């Protein structure tokens, strides 16, 4: 009894993956490396989001003449750098067969660029261009997301993939949520803050975010140093065993990826992220136009809505893995992800009875009687609503608040499901091959949508209004969903089991070299009811294994018996 209790308390590999492919220590080390990837993805998202709310006042302080148009370029510089360099980082990691060097270099660049952003208080010449360069370099460094996704596919078994990808997506979302929160937390430092090293380092409410990034990226850099981080690429080894191949390279070269399904998923990812970024970009100004909210009201109510939406999204990420154990992944993707996103877009097509409140153009002098005029405050009620400068405001019905909230709720559920399962299925469809370049292409597609989203808002929404904006995006989502439905059979990951259908049963988990096996064991292949034969040497062992692999028998057993 005592021995059995003691044995049950010993840690062991979970039963569903306890197949002798790795030891307990290797299993633990592999999952430690995966968790480091989670943190890296969190940090890259944090690096983008932590400065979003403070970038305009920081730029305005450093260069009051820069303007909001240049601020738009600064915001777009991050995803542009990531889009350009994601495939290159993926190719680099594939080329050298390791993720360590690309990640160390990218994190060093991230540290430098974050420090550069926070050092702009020193007011170098052409400071706005230095800010643009710093944000572009942070985008370049965050191209390592492609490498992280590639490693996640290589370091997880097929049965672990959905959970791992949902957790890494959760880490990214947490980065987007925590970033603005940290910016708010350092606001008490004020505009001037504190100076160190004779004024060369300024720590205020604008620069503190960059210095936080510097400290966290240094810690992340240390995590990838030799001796602390060890790569474990188990996916190819798992398929190699199932296929009966002799090497990992032979395994993935023998499996040709389905390029149609791969590009289908990349385009679906672009459409999905584009629609989410569009809503993220447009949300505040849309509520101000449609509901006549002031700046304060829009920020307050959108803050509440986004916080609740983030909680819903977090719960959705956690629920994805259990849900996919009940229903096929591609069904959950189409009916749980894309269908809800389609409904969310359709609900934003205005159904109101009349046009929204029309706002007067600010700085107008309104006539009273005769030649008398009066100047009004910009927060006065007459300046709230859909501006006259947008002609469609007087012709298009208003969006109702109920529509807006329900549509946002559908998006908060559909987007996490879609973005997680697209990446999960994508990694499985590609098979056990190195996926750096392919993950770079998918990351680049997501970055392109982040670049085009604000442009779409500026051109389509401002000029043509809500009908065109949400009509076009509804059609985009619907077409993407129909295409996924037509391609659903291609979205089922291929089976990597041995094509000969032989069932190999290992009756001993001891890894005994052949030399000692000849002394201590006799290895006997038994095919159906045929009499077993004693194997005396390595050549006979190879012959027996070949017989087992290529036999047309349905049930083949390798019997390992004690001599």
Protein backbone atom coordinates (compact mmCIF):
# COMPACT_ATOMS: atom_id res chain seq x y z
CA UNK A 1 0.00 0.00 0.00
CA UNK A 2 2.80 2.36 0.98
CA UNK A 3 4.69 1.72 -2.25
CA UNK A 4 1.62 2.28 -4.40
CA UNK A 5 0.84 5.58 -2.63
CA UNK A 6 4.39 6.75 -3.09
CA UNK A 7 4.34 5.81 -6.76
CA UNK A 8 1.08 7.68 -7.43
CA UNK A 9 2.57 10.88 -6.00
CA UNK A 10 5.49 10.82 -8.43
CA UNK A 11 5.06 13.28 -11.32
CA UNK A 12 4.58 11.70 -14.72
CA UNK A 13 3.76 12.53 -18.31
CA UNK A 14 -0.02 12.82 -18.96
CA UNK A 15 -1.45 9.52 -20.14
CA UNK A 16 -2.68 10.88 -23.49
CA UNK A 17 0.90 11.73 -24.56
CA UNK A 18 2.78 9.03 -22.65
CA UNK A 19 3.90 7.03 -25.68
CA UNK A 20 7.66 6.87 -25.07
CA UNK A 21 8.40 9.68 -27.53
CA UNK A 22 9.96 11.81 -24.79
CA UNK A 23 11.06 11.49 -21.19
CA UNK A 24 9.43 13.34 -18.30
CA UNK A 25 12.30 15.83 -18.18
CA UNK A 26 12.06 16.45 -21.93
CA UNK A 27 8.29 16.94 -21.59
CA UNK A 28 8.78 19.52 -18.83
CA UNK A 29 11.54 21.32 -20.71
CA UNK A 30 9.42 21.43 -23.87
CA UNK A 31 6.50 23.06 -22.07
CA UNK A 32 8.84 25.53 -20.35
CA UNK A 33 9.98 26.63 -23.80
CA UNK A 34 6.36 26.98 -24.95
CA UNK A 35 5.56 29.21 -21.96
CA UNK A 36 8.53 31.43 -22.84
CA UNK A 37 6.94 31.81 -26.28
CA UNK A 38 3.67 32.82 -24.58
CA UNK A 39 5.50 35.60 -22.72
CA UNK A 40 7.26 36.76 -25.89
CA UNK A 41 3.96 37.06 -27.75
CA UNK A 42 2.51 38.98 -24.78
CA UNK A 43 5.47 41.38 -24.83
CA UNK A 44 5.23 42.05 -28.57
CA UNK A 45 1.53 42.91 -28.25
CA UNK A 46 2.30 45.06 -25.22
CA UNK A 47 4.97 46.93 -27.19
CA UNK A 48 2.36 47.99 -29.75
CA UNK A 49 -0.54 48.81 -27.43
CA UNK A 50 1.23 50.43 -24.48
CA UNK A 51 1.88 53.71 -26.31
CA UNK A 52 -1.34 54.01 -28.35
CA UNK A 53 -3.20 56.28 -25.94
CA UNK A 54 -0.16 58.45 -25.20
CA UNK A 55 1.41 58.80 -28.62
CA UNK A 56 -0.56 61.88 -29.71
CA UNK A 57 0.08 64.04 -26.59
CA UNK A 58 3.75 62.90 -26.58
CA UNK A 59 4.19 63.88 -30.23
CA UNK A 60 2.33 67.15 -29.68
CA UNK A 61 4.63 67.97 -26.76
CA UNK A 62 7.82 67.21 -28.71
CA UNK A 63 6.72 68.83 -31.99
CA UNK A 64 3.44 70.81 -31.88
CA UNK A 65 3.60 71.29 -35.66
CA UNK A 66 3.69 67.57 -36.49
CA UNK A 67 -0.10 67.19 -36.80
CA UNK A 68 -2.46 64.24 -36.59
CA UNK A 69 -1.75 63.08 -40.14
CA UNK A 70 1.88 62.44 -39.23
CA UNK A 71 0.70 60.71 -36.06
CA UNK A 72 -1.25 58.33 -38.31
CA UNK A 73 1.99 57.51 -40.13
CA UNK A 74 3.71 56.80 -36.81
CA UNK A 75 0.94 54.41 -35.74
CA UNK A 76 1.01 52.65 -39.13
CA UNK A 77 4.83 52.31 -39.06
CA UNK A 78 4.65 49.47 -36.53
CA UNK A 79 2.47 47.04 -38.53
CA UNK A 80 4.26 48.08 -41.74
CA UNK A 81 7.65 47.03 -40.34
CA UNK A 82 6.16 43.80 -39.02
CA UNK A 83 4.50 43.03 -42.36
CA UNK A 84 7.71 43.50 -44.37
CA UNK A 85 10.01 41.53 -42.07
CA UNK A 86 7.76 38.69 -40.86
CA UNK A 87 8.45 36.42 -43.89
CA UNK A 88 12.16 37.29 -43.68
CA UNK A 89 12.40 36.31 -40.01
CA UNK A 90 10.49 33.11 -40.80
CA UNK A 91 12.88 32.29 -43.67
CA UNK A 92 15.89 33.02 -41.44
CA UNK A 93 14.73 30.62 -38.70
CA UNK A 94 14.03 27.91 -41.30
CA UNK A 95 17.42 28.45 -42.89
CA UNK A 96 19.45 27.99 -39.71
CA UNK A 97 17.07 25.42 -38.19
CA UNK A 98 16.77 27.30 -34.91
CA UNK A 99 14.71 30.12 -33.42
CA UNK A 100 17.27 31.27 -30.82
CA UNK A 101 19.35 33.68 -32.93
CA UNK A 102 16.39 35.39 -34.70
CA UNK A 103 14.65 35.89 -31.36
CA UNK A 104 17.75 37.19 -29.58
CA UNK A 105 18.41 39.68 -32.41
CA UNK A 106 14.79 40.81 -32.57
CA UNK A 107 14.58 41.29 -28.79
CA UNK A 108 17.82 43.29 -28.82
CA UNK A 109 16.32 45.50 -31.54
CA UNK A 110 13.08 45.82 -29.53
CA UNK A 111 15.09 46.95 -26.49
CA UNK A 112 17.02 49.53 -28.54
CA UNK A 113 13.91 50.89 -30.30
CA UNK A 114 11.93 51.18 -27.06
CA UNK A 115 14.83 53.04 -25.44
CA UNK A 116 15.05 55.32 -28.49
CA UNK A 117 11.33 56.15 -28.21
CA UNK A 118 11.71 57.08 -24.54
CA UNK A 119 14.88 59.10 -25.19
CA UNK A 120 13.13 61.54 -27.52
CA UNK A 121 12.69 63.93 -24.57
CA UNK A 122 16.28 64.95 -25.36
CA UNK A 123 14.72 66.69 -28.40
CA UNK A 124 17.01 65.70 -31.26
CA UNK A 125 16.59 67.53 -34.56
CA UNK A 126 13.62 66.32 -36.62
CA UNK A 127 12.23 64.60 -33.54
CA UNK A 128 9.04 63.47 -35.27
CA UNK A 129 11.07 61.44 -37.77
CA UNK A 130 13.02 59.82 -34.95
CA UNK A 131 9.70 58.81 -33.41
CA UNK A 132 8.63 57.35 -36.76
CA UNK A 133 11.90 55.39 -36.99
CA UNK A 134 11.57 54.06 -33.44
CA UNK A 135 8.04 52.77 -34.06
CA UNK A 136 9.09 51.20 -37.38
CA UNK A 137 11.98 49.40 -35.66
CA UNK A 138 9.64 48.12 -32.94
CA UNK A 139 7.46 46.76 -35.76
CA UNK A 140 10.49 45.08 -37.35
CA UNK A 141 11.43 43.48 -34.02
CA UNK A 142 7.87 42.23 -33.48
CA UNK A 143 8.15 40.30 -36.76
CA UNK A 144 9.52 37.58 -34.48
CA UNK A 145 5.86 36.66 -33.92
CA UNK A 146 6.15 34.57 -37.11
CA UNK A 147 9.09 32.69 -35.58
CA UNK A 148 7.18 32.17 -32.33
CA UNK A 149 4.15 30.76 -34.14
CA UNK A 150 6.38 28.49 -36.20
CA UNK A 151 8.08 27.13 -33.08
CA UNK A 152 4.73 26.60 -31.37
CA UNK A 153 3.70 24.37 -34.28
CA UNK A 154 6.97 22.44 -34.08
CA UNK A 155 7.01 22.08 -30.29
CA UNK A 156 3.50 20.72 -29.78
CA UNK A 157 1.85 17.46 -30.71
CA UNK A 158 -1.26 17.47 -32.86
CA UNK A 159 -3.39 16.74 -29.79
CA UNK A 160 -1.84 19.72 -27.95
CA UNK A 161 -1.95 22.23 -30.81
CA UNK A 162 -5.42 23.73 -30.31
CA UNK A 163 -4.83 24.44 -26.62
CA UNK A 164 -1.37 25.90 -27.26
CA UNK A 165 -2.54 28.23 -30.04
CA UNK A 166 -5.55 29.39 -28.01
CA UNK A 167 -3.23 30.20 -25.10
CA UNK A 168 -0.80 32.12 -27.29
CA UNK A 169 -3.72 34.08 -28.77
CA UNK A 170 -4.86 34.76 -25.22
CA UNK A 171 -1.36 36.06 -24.41
CA UNK A 172 -1.58 38.48 -27.34
CA UNK A 173 -5.00 39.74 -26.28
CA UNK A 174 -3.72 40.23 -22.73
CA UNK A 175 -0.91 42.34 -24.18
CA UNK A 176 -3.43 44.57 -25.94
CA UNK A 177 -5.49 44.86 -22.74
CA UNK A 178 -2.62 45.44 -20.29
CA UNK A 179 -0.87 48.03 -22.50
CA UNK A 180 -3.39 50.89 -22.16
CA UNK A 181 -3.79 49.98 -18.48
CA UNK A 182 -0.06 50.47 -17.85
CA UNK A 183 -0.23 53.81 -19.68
CA UNK A 184 -3.02 54.86 -17.33
CA UNK A 185 -1.06 53.62 -14.29
CA UNK A 186 1.96 55.86 -15.06
CA UNK A 187 -0.14 58.97 -15.75
CA UNK A 188 0.44 60.31 -12.18
CA UNK A 189 4.10 60.84 -13.16
CA UNK A 190 2.87 63.89 -15.02
CA UNK A 191 4.16 65.76 -18.04
CA UNK A 192 7.59 66.52 -16.56
CA UNK A 193 8.24 63.46 -14.40
CA UNK A 194 11.75 62.80 -13.08
CA UNK A 195 15.20 63.14 -14.64
CA UNK A 196 18.21 60.86 -14.14
CA UNK A 197 21.86 60.85 -15.28
CA UNK A 198 22.03 64.64 -15.66
CA UNK A 199 18.81 64.81 -17.64
CA UNK A 200 19.74 62.16 -20.21
CA UNK A 201 16.95 59.85 -18.99
CA UNK A 202 13.49 61.32 -18.42
CA UNK A 203 10.86 59.21 -16.67
CA UNK A 204 7.41 60.77 -17.20
CA UNK A 205 3.94 59.58 -18.20
CA UNK A 206 4.98 59.35 -21.87
CA UNK A 207 8.45 57.81 -21.60
CA UNK A 208 7.70 55.39 -18.73
CA UNK A 209 5.95 53.00 -21.13
CA UNK A 210 9.05 52.73 -23.30
CA UNK A 211 11.28 52.09 -20.29
CA UNK A 212 8.88 49.37 -19.09
CA UNK A 213 9.30 47.72 -22.50
CA UNK A 214 13.09 47.97 -22.16
CA UNK A 215 13.13 46.19 -18.79
CA UNK A 216 10.72 43.45 -19.87
CA UNK A 217 12.55 42.82 -23.15
CA UNK A 218 15.88 42.47 -21.33
CA UNK A 219 14.27 39.80 -19.16
CA UNK A 220 12.83 38.12 -22.25
CA UNK A 221 16.27 38.23 -23.92
CA UNK A 222 17.82 36.41 -20.95
CA UNK A 223 15.15 33.68 -21.19
CA UNK A 224 16.43 32.67 -24.66
CA UNK A 225 20.12 32.40 -23.72
CA UNK A 226 21.81 28.97 -24.03
CA UNK A 227 21.37 26.94 -20.88
CA UNK A 228 18.04 28.60 -20.09
CA UNK A 229 16.09 27.89 -23.27
CA UNK A 230 16.16 24.56 -25.07
CA UNK A 231 14.30 23.91 -28.32
CA UNK A 232 12.13 20.80 -28.51
CA UNK A 233 10.65 20.11 -31.94
CA UNK A 234 8.46 17.12 -31.25
CA UNK A 235 5.88 17.53 -34.05
CA UNK A 236 8.10 16.16 -36.83
CA UNK A 237 9.29 13.32 -34.58
CA UNK A 238 5.69 12.38 -33.78
CA UNK A 239 4.77 12.19 -37.47
CA UNK A 240 8.04 10.38 -38.27
CA UNK A 241 7.06 7.57 -35.91
CA UNK A 242 3.54 7.40 -37.33
CA UNK A 243 4.88 7.32 -40.89
CA UNK A 244 7.64 4.84 -40.15
CA UNK A 245 10.30 7.14 -41.65
CA UNK A 246 13.95 7.13 -40.69
CA UNK A 247 14.47 10.91 -40.31
CA UNK A 248 12.45 14.06 -39.63
CA UNK A 249 13.55 15.65 -42.91
CA UNK A 250 12.43 12.58 -44.86
CA UNK A 251 9.10 12.78 -43.02
CA UNK A 252 8.12 16.34 -43.92
CA UNK A 253 9.52 16.11 -47.45
CA UNK A 254 7.25 13.13 -48.09
CA UNK A 255 4.16 15.13 -47.06
CA UNK A 256 3.11 17.78 -49.58
CA UNK A 257 1.12 20.64 -48.01
CA UNK A 258 -2.27 21.63 -49.40
CA UNK A 259 -1.48 25.05 -50.87
CA UNK A 260 -5.13 25.83 -51.64
CA UNK A 261 -6.19 25.38 -48.02
CA UNK A 262 -3.09 27.26 -46.80
CA UNK A 263 -3.83 30.34 -48.93
CA UNK A 264 -7.54 30.07 -48.11
CA UNK A 265 -6.71 30.33 -44.41
CA UNK A 266 -4.30 33.24 -44.99
CA UNK A 267 -6.99 35.21 -46.85
CA UNK A 268 -9.58 34.32 -44.18
CA UNK A 269 -7.14 35.57 -41.53
CA UNK A 270 -6.72 38.86 -43.42
CA UNK A 271 -10.50 39.40 -43.69
CA UNK A 272 -11.05 38.51 -40.02
CA UNK A 273 -8.34 40.81 -38.65
CA UNK A 274 -9.32 43.61 -41.07
CA UNK A 275 -12.88 43.60 -39.73
CA UNK A 276 -11.71 43.59 -36.12
CA UNK A 277 -9.17 46.39 -36.66
CA UNK A 278 -11.79 48.42 -38.54
CA UNK A 279 -14.15 48.28 -35.55
CA UNK A 280 -11.28 49.00 -33.14
CA UNK A 281 -10.27 52.05 -35.20
CA UNK A 282 -13.76 53.33 -35.90
CA UNK A 283 -15.46 52.56 -32.56
CA UNK A 284 -15.02 55.86 -30.70
CA UNK A 285 -15.69 58.19 -33.64
CA UNK A 286 -18.67 56.04 -34.73
CA UNK A 287 -20.36 56.41 -31.33
CA UNK A 288 -19.71 60.16 -31.34
CA UNK A 289 -21.30 60.48 -34.79
CA UNK A 290 -24.26 58.17 -34.21
CA UNK A 291 -25.15 58.84 -30.56
CA UNK A 292 -24.01 62.49 -30.23
CA UNK A 293 -21.61 61.62 -27.41
CA UNK A 294 -18.92 64.03 -26.27
CA UNK A 295 -15.24 63.06 -26.19
CA UNK A 296 -15.50 62.25 -22.49
CA UNK A 297 -18.68 60.20 -22.90
CA UNK A 298 -17.31 58.28 -25.89
CA UNK A 299 -14.07 57.38 -24.08
CA UNK A 300 -15.93 56.45 -20.90
CA UNK A 301 -18.62 54.26 -22.46
CA UNK A 302 -16.30 52.68 -25.02
CA UNK A 303 -13.88 51.91 -22.18
CA UNK A 304 -16.63 50.04 -20.35
CA UNK A 305 -17.75 48.21 -23.50
CA UNK A 306 -14.20 47.22 -24.47
CA UNK A 307 -13.45 46.01 -20.94
CA UNK A 308 -16.55 43.80 -20.89
CA UNK A 309 -15.73 42.62 -24.43
CA UNK A 310 -12.20 41.72 -23.30
CA UNK A 311 -13.57 39.61 -20.44
CA UNK A 312 -15.92 37.82 -22.87
CA UNK A 313 -12.99 37.24 -25.25
CA UNK A 314 -10.83 35.79 -22.47
CA UNK A 315 -13.59 33.36 -21.50
CA UNK A 316 -13.97 32.42 -25.17
CA UNK A 317 -10.26 31.64 -25.54
CA UNK A 318 -10.43 29.29 -22.55
CA UNK A 319 -13.54 27.56 -23.96
CA UNK A 320 -12.11 26.88 -27.43
CA UNK A 321 -10.14 23.73 -26.58
CA UNK A 322 -13.02 21.95 -24.76
CA UNK A 323 -15.38 22.98 -27.56
CA UNK A 324 -13.12 21.45 -30.22
CA UNK A 325 -13.14 18.14 -28.35
CA UNK A 326 -16.90 17.97 -28.95
CA UNK A 327 -17.12 19.41 -32.49
CA UNK A 328 -14.64 19.33 -35.41
CA UNK A 329 -12.34 22.35 -35.48
CA UNK A 330 -13.41 23.52 -38.95
CA UNK A 331 -17.09 23.50 -37.91
CA UNK A 332 -16.30 25.59 -34.83
CA UNK A 333 -14.28 27.97 -37.02
CA UNK A 334 -17.05 28.45 -39.59
CA UNK A 335 -20.18 28.38 -37.42
CA UNK A 336 -18.74 29.67 -34.16
CA UNK A 337 -16.23 32.18 -35.52
CA UNK A 338 -17.15 33.49 -38.96
CA UNK A 339 -20.94 33.24 -38.64
CA UNK A 340 -20.87 35.42 -35.50
CA UNK A 341 -18.54 37.91 -37.20
CA UNK A 342 -20.92 38.09 -40.19
CA UNK A 343 -23.86 38.76 -37.84
CA UNK A 344 -21.80 41.38 -36.02
CA UNK A 345 -21.14 43.26 -39.27
CA UNK A 346 -24.72 42.97 -40.56
CA UNK A 347 -26.04 44.36 -37.27
CA UNK A 348 -24.00 47.53 -37.85
CA UNK A 349 -25.95 48.35 -41.02
CA UNK A 350 -28.27 51.16 -39.75
CA UNK A 351 -31.86 50.22 -38.95
CA UNK A 352 -32.91 53.45 -37.22
CA UNK A 353 -36.03 55.48 -38.05
CA UNK A 354 -34.28 58.70 -38.99
CA UNK A 355 -30.85 60.25 -39.47
CA UNK A 356 -28.56 60.86 -36.48
CA UNK A 357 -28.25 64.20 -34.74
CA UNK A 358 -26.50 66.60 -37.11
CA UNK A 359 -23.59 68.54 -35.62
CA UNK A 360 -22.69 72.08 -36.60
CA UNK A 361 -19.16 72.70 -37.84
CA UNK A 362 -16.96 73.89 -34.99
CA UNK A 363 -15.81 77.56 -35.03
CA UNK A 364 -18.91 78.69 -36.86
CA UNK A 365 -20.45 81.87 -35.50
CA UNK A 366 -24.16 81.29 -35.17
CA UNK A 367 -26.52 84.19 -35.92
CA UNK A 368 -28.84 85.41 -33.18
CA UNK A 369 -30.83 88.44 -34.39
CA UNK A 370 -29.84 90.86 -37.10
CA UNK A 371 -26.06 91.10 -37.26
CA UNK A 372 -25.48 89.62 -33.79
CA UNK A 373 -23.44 86.40 -33.51
CA UNK A 374 -22.22 84.14 -30.72
CA UNK A 375 -19.22 81.82 -30.46
CA UNK A 376 -20.01 78.45 -28.88
CA UNK A 377 -17.80 76.09 -26.90
CA UNK A 378 -16.74 72.95 -28.87
CA UNK A 379 -18.39 70.78 -26.21
CA UNK A 380 -21.72 72.51 -26.67
CA UNK A 381 -24.55 70.24 -27.71
CA UNK A 382 -24.81 71.81 -31.18
CA UNK A 383 -21.36 70.47 -32.04
CA UNK A 384 -22.17 66.90 -30.98
CA UNK A 385 -23.38 64.33 -33.49
CA UNK A 386 -22.74 63.54 -37.15
CA UNK A 387 -20.87 66.51 -38.69
CA UNK A 388 -22.24 68.44 -41.66
CA UNK A 389 -18.91 67.93 -43.41
CA UNK A 390 -20.05 64.31 -43.98
CA UNK A 391 -22.98 64.74 -46.43
CA UNK A 392 -24.25 61.19 -45.87
CA UNK A 393 -25.18 62.06 -42.27
CA UNK A 394 -28.40 63.79 -43.38
CA UNK A 395 -29.43 60.95 -45.71
CA UNK A 396 -28.52 57.77 -43.79
CA UNK A 397 -30.59 56.33 -40.90
CA UNK A 398 -28.94 56.32 -37.49
CA UNK A 399 -27.42 53.26 -35.88
CA UNK A 400 -29.24 52.28 -32.68
CA UNK A 401 -27.38 51.70 -29.42
CA UNK A 402 -28.91 48.21 -29.12
CA UNK A 403 -27.53 47.28 -32.55
CA UNK A 404 -24.10 48.55 -31.61
CA UNK A 405 -23.90 46.61 -28.32
CA UNK A 406 -25.20 43.31 -29.75
CA UNK A 407 -22.89 43.58 -32.77
CA UNK A 408 -19.91 44.20 -30.49
CA UNK A 409 -20.88 41.19 -28.36
CA UNK A 410 -20.93 38.90 -31.42
CA UNK A 411 -17.51 40.25 -32.43
CA UNK A 412 -16.09 39.65 -28.93
CA UNK A 413 -17.01 35.96 -29.24
CA UNK A 414 -16.47 35.34 -32.96
CA UNK A 415 -13.06 36.98 -33.34
CA UNK A 416 -11.20 34.91 -30.67
CA UNK A 417 -12.63 31.69 -32.10
CA UNK A 418 -11.75 32.64 -35.66
CA UNK A 419 -8.23 33.93 -35.06
CA UNK A 420 -7.29 30.93 -32.88
CA UNK A 421 -8.67 28.15 -35.08
CA UNK A 422 -7.36 29.64 -38.33
CA UNK A 423 -3.84 29.47 -36.90
CA UNK A 424 -4.43 26.01 -35.41
CA UNK A 425 -5.77 24.46 -38.62
CA UNK A 426 -3.12 26.30 -40.66
CA UNK A 427 -0.29 24.75 -38.65
CA UNK A 428 -1.82 21.27 -38.94
CA UNK A 429 -2.48 21.55 -42.68
CA UNK A 430 1.17 22.48 -43.31
CA UNK A 431 2.28 19.30 -41.56
CA UNK A 432 5.55 18.74 -39.68
CA UNK A 433 7.71 20.86 -42.04
CA UNK A 434 9.47 24.06 -40.80
CA UNK A 435 6.74 26.71 -40.93
CA UNK A 436 8.70 29.95 -40.51
CA UNK A 437 8.01 31.40 -43.97
CA UNK A 438 4.35 30.34 -43.97
CA UNK A 439 3.77 31.80 -40.51
CA UNK A 440 5.52 34.93 -41.75
CA UNK A 441 3.05 35.19 -44.62
CA UNK A 442 0.10 34.80 -42.25
CA UNK A 443 1.52 37.38 -39.83
CA UNK A 444 2.15 39.70 -42.78
CA UNK A 445 -1.48 39.33 -43.87
CA UNK A 446 -2.62 40.36 -40.39
CA UNK A 447 -0.26 43.35 -40.44
CA UNK A 448 -1.52 44.43 -43.86
CA UNK A 449 -5.05 44.51 -42.47
CA UNK A 450 -3.84 46.73 -39.61
CA UNK A 451 -2.33 49.12 -42.14
CA UNK A 452 -5.37 49.20 -44.44
CA UNK A 453 -8.01 49.42 -41.66
CA UNK A 454 -7.40 53.09 -40.78
CA UNK A 455 -7.14 53.96 -44.49
CA UNK A 456 -10.50 52.30 -45.14
CA UNK A 457 -12.05 54.35 -42.32
CA UNK A 458 -10.62 57.58 -43.70
CA UNK A 459 -11.82 56.98 -47.25
CA UNK A 460 -15.01 54.89 -47.14
CA UNK A 461 -16.60 55.85 -43.81
CA UNK A 462 -15.86 59.58 -43.98
CA UNK A 463 -17.01 59.94 -47.59
CA UNK A 464 -19.77 57.35 -47.96
CA UNK A 465 -21.00 56.51 -44.46
CA UNK A 466 -22.22 53.50 -42.53
CA UNK A 467 -24.18 51.79 -45.32
CA UNK A 468 -21.10 51.45 -47.52
CA UNK A 469 -18.68 50.78 -44.67
CA UNK A 470 -20.59 47.95 -43.04
CA UNK A 471 -22.17 46.77 -46.29
CA UNK A 472 -18.72 46.15 -47.81
CA UNK A 473 -17.35 44.52 -44.66
CA UNK A 474 -20.46 42.32 -44.32
CA UNK A 475 -19.97 41.10 -47.89
CA UNK A 476 -16.27 40.49 -47.21
CA UNK A 477 -17.06 38.37 -44.15
CA UNK A 478 -19.90 36.51 -45.88
CA UNK A 479 -17.80 35.67 -48.97
CA UNK A 480 -14.95 34.47 -46.72
CA UNK A 481 -17.38 32.28 -44.78
CA UNK A 482 -18.87 30.78 -47.96
CA UNK A 483 -15.38 30.08 -49.30
CA UNK A 484 -14.48 28.30 -46.06
CA UNK A 485 -17.68 26.24 -46.35
CA UNK A 486 -16.80 25.24 -49.91
CA UNK A 487 -13.28 24.35 -48.76
CA UNK A 488 -14.32 22.61 -45.54
CA UNK A 489 -13.00 19.20 -46.63
CA UNK A 490 -9.59 20.78 -47.21
CA UNK A 491 -9.62 22.21 -43.68
CA UNK A 492 -9.50 18.75 -42.13
CA UNK A 493 -5.83 18.12 -41.23
CA UNK A 494 -4.43 15.05 -43.02
CA UNK A 495 -3.93 11.80 -41.16
CA UNK A 496 -0.24 11.07 -40.68
CA UNK A 497 -0.68 7.45 -39.70
CA UNK A 498 1.29 4.78 -41.56
CA UNK A 499 -0.37 4.40 -44.98
CA UNK A 500 0.20 0.64 -44.93
CA UNK A 501 -2.21 0.39 -42.02
CA UNK A 502 0.14 -1.70 -39.90
CA UNK A 503 -0.47 -1.58 -36.21
CA UNK A 504 2.84 -1.57 -34.36
CA UNK A 505 2.52 -2.62 -30.75
CA UNK A 506 5.50 -2.07 -28.48
CA UNK A 507 5.34 -4.43 -25.53
CA UNK A 508 8.37 -2.97 -23.77
CA UNK A 509 9.12 0.74 -23.24
CA UNK A 510 12.77 0.07 -22.37
CA UNK A 511 15.11 1.51 -24.99
CA UNK A 512 17.67 -1.34 -25.15
CA UNK A 513 20.55 -1.12 -27.67
CA UNK A 514 20.79 -4.09 -30.03
CA UNK A 515 24.08 -5.28 -28.52
CA UNK A 516 22.57 -5.74 -25.08
CA UNK A 517 19.34 -6.99 -26.61
CA UNK A 518 21.23 -9.89 -28.18
CA UNK A 519 22.54 -10.82 -24.75
CA UNK A 520 19.41 -10.33 -22.66
CA UNK A 521 16.44 -10.59 -25.02
CA UNK A 522 15.24 -12.40 -28.06
CA UNK A 523 13.26 -10.13 -30.41
CA UNK A 524 10.56 -12.06 -32.21
CA UNK A 525 8.34 -10.72 -35.03
CA UNK A 526 5.02 -12.51 -35.11
CA UNK A 527 2.73 -11.95 -38.10
CA UNK A 528 -0.85 -13.09 -37.44
CA UNK A 529 -0.72 -16.80 -36.55
CA UNK A 530 2.64 -17.55 -38.16
CA UNK A 531 5.32 -19.07 -35.95
CA UNK A 532 7.79 -16.51 -34.54
CA UNK A 533 11.42 -16.60 -35.59
CA UNK A 534 14.41 -15.79 -33.40
CA UNK A 535 16.44 -12.73 -34.52
CA UNK A 536 20.17 -13.22 -34.08
CA UNK A 537 21.67 -10.01 -35.57
CA UNK A 538 20.97 -6.49 -36.84
CA UNK A 539 20.42 -7.53 -40.47
CA UNK A 540 17.70 -9.95 -39.43
CA UNK A 541 16.11 -7.22 -37.29
CA UNK A 542 15.99 -4.83 -40.29
CA UNK A 543 14.47 -7.54 -42.45
CA UNK A 544 11.82 -8.29 -39.83
CA UNK A 545 10.86 -4.63 -39.49
CA UNK A 546 10.60 -4.22 -43.27
CA UNK A 547 8.40 -7.29 -43.40
CA UNK A 548 6.18 -5.78 -40.73
CA UNK A 549 5.95 -2.38 -42.41
CA UNK A 550 5.19 -3.58 -45.93
CA UNK A 551 3.13 -6.65 -45.18
CA UNK A 552 -0.46 -6.73 -46.42
CA UNK A 553 -1.52 -8.23 -43.10
CA UNK A 554 -3.86 -6.09 -41.01
CA UNK A 555 -2.50 -6.99 -37.60
CA UNK A 556 1.25 -7.18 -37.02
CA UNK A 557 2.79 -7.60 -33.60
CA UNK A 558 6.44 -7.27 -32.61
CA UNK A 559 6.93 -9.49 -29.56
CA UNK A 560 9.81 -8.67 -27.23
CA UNK A 561 10.34 -11.65 -24.95
CA UNK A 562 12.89 -12.19 -22.19
CA UNK A 563 15.57 -14.72 -23.13
